[in-house]
């Protein structure tokens, strides 16, 4: 099983994510690496404290089905991801209404505009009714939207009818992204 430093040596130098979708090396097993729900990366139970190293690993991350892998041209190793591999920690808003643009920034220095290729979605926990909002950052990889950023989205939310029901949601690049049904007012 390769060590993390062995994987780093195989990463071709480049800016941005590597073309992991083009690489199909043999699976070499799982390594003791985990991404916690808060976006902290761990190796052998210890947080990886060097942000450049986390960023580098994030560029070779790929999701196949429900499984996550670090992929280089010659090796593919499995890692554990508790929720989403990234966290959207900042939001920039340009424009208003249907012309509004929402740009998300992640804990690993990625950014993306919410649009058809980078949709927003909100999962509601069945038991707690707690929302978990996400934005797709890269092919098949999402960022959990940090609570403070989600509050910003809620402040931007407008009402729109969808299939006869009122929904709160946000516009970005001409797309409406529902964040939840409009709450009913107090009973009369």
Foldseek 3Di string as FASTA:
>chain_A
DDDLVVLLVQADDDPAADPLVPADADEPEAAAWEQELVQFIDHPRHTDPDLVSSLSQVSQWDDDPNWIWRDGNHYTHTYYYPPFNWEFDDWDWDDADQAIWIWTAISSGAIDIDDPQWHKDWDQDPVPRDIFIWTARDVVGIHTYDPVVVVVQQVRWDWDADPNFIFTFHHHNRDTHGHGGDDDDDDD
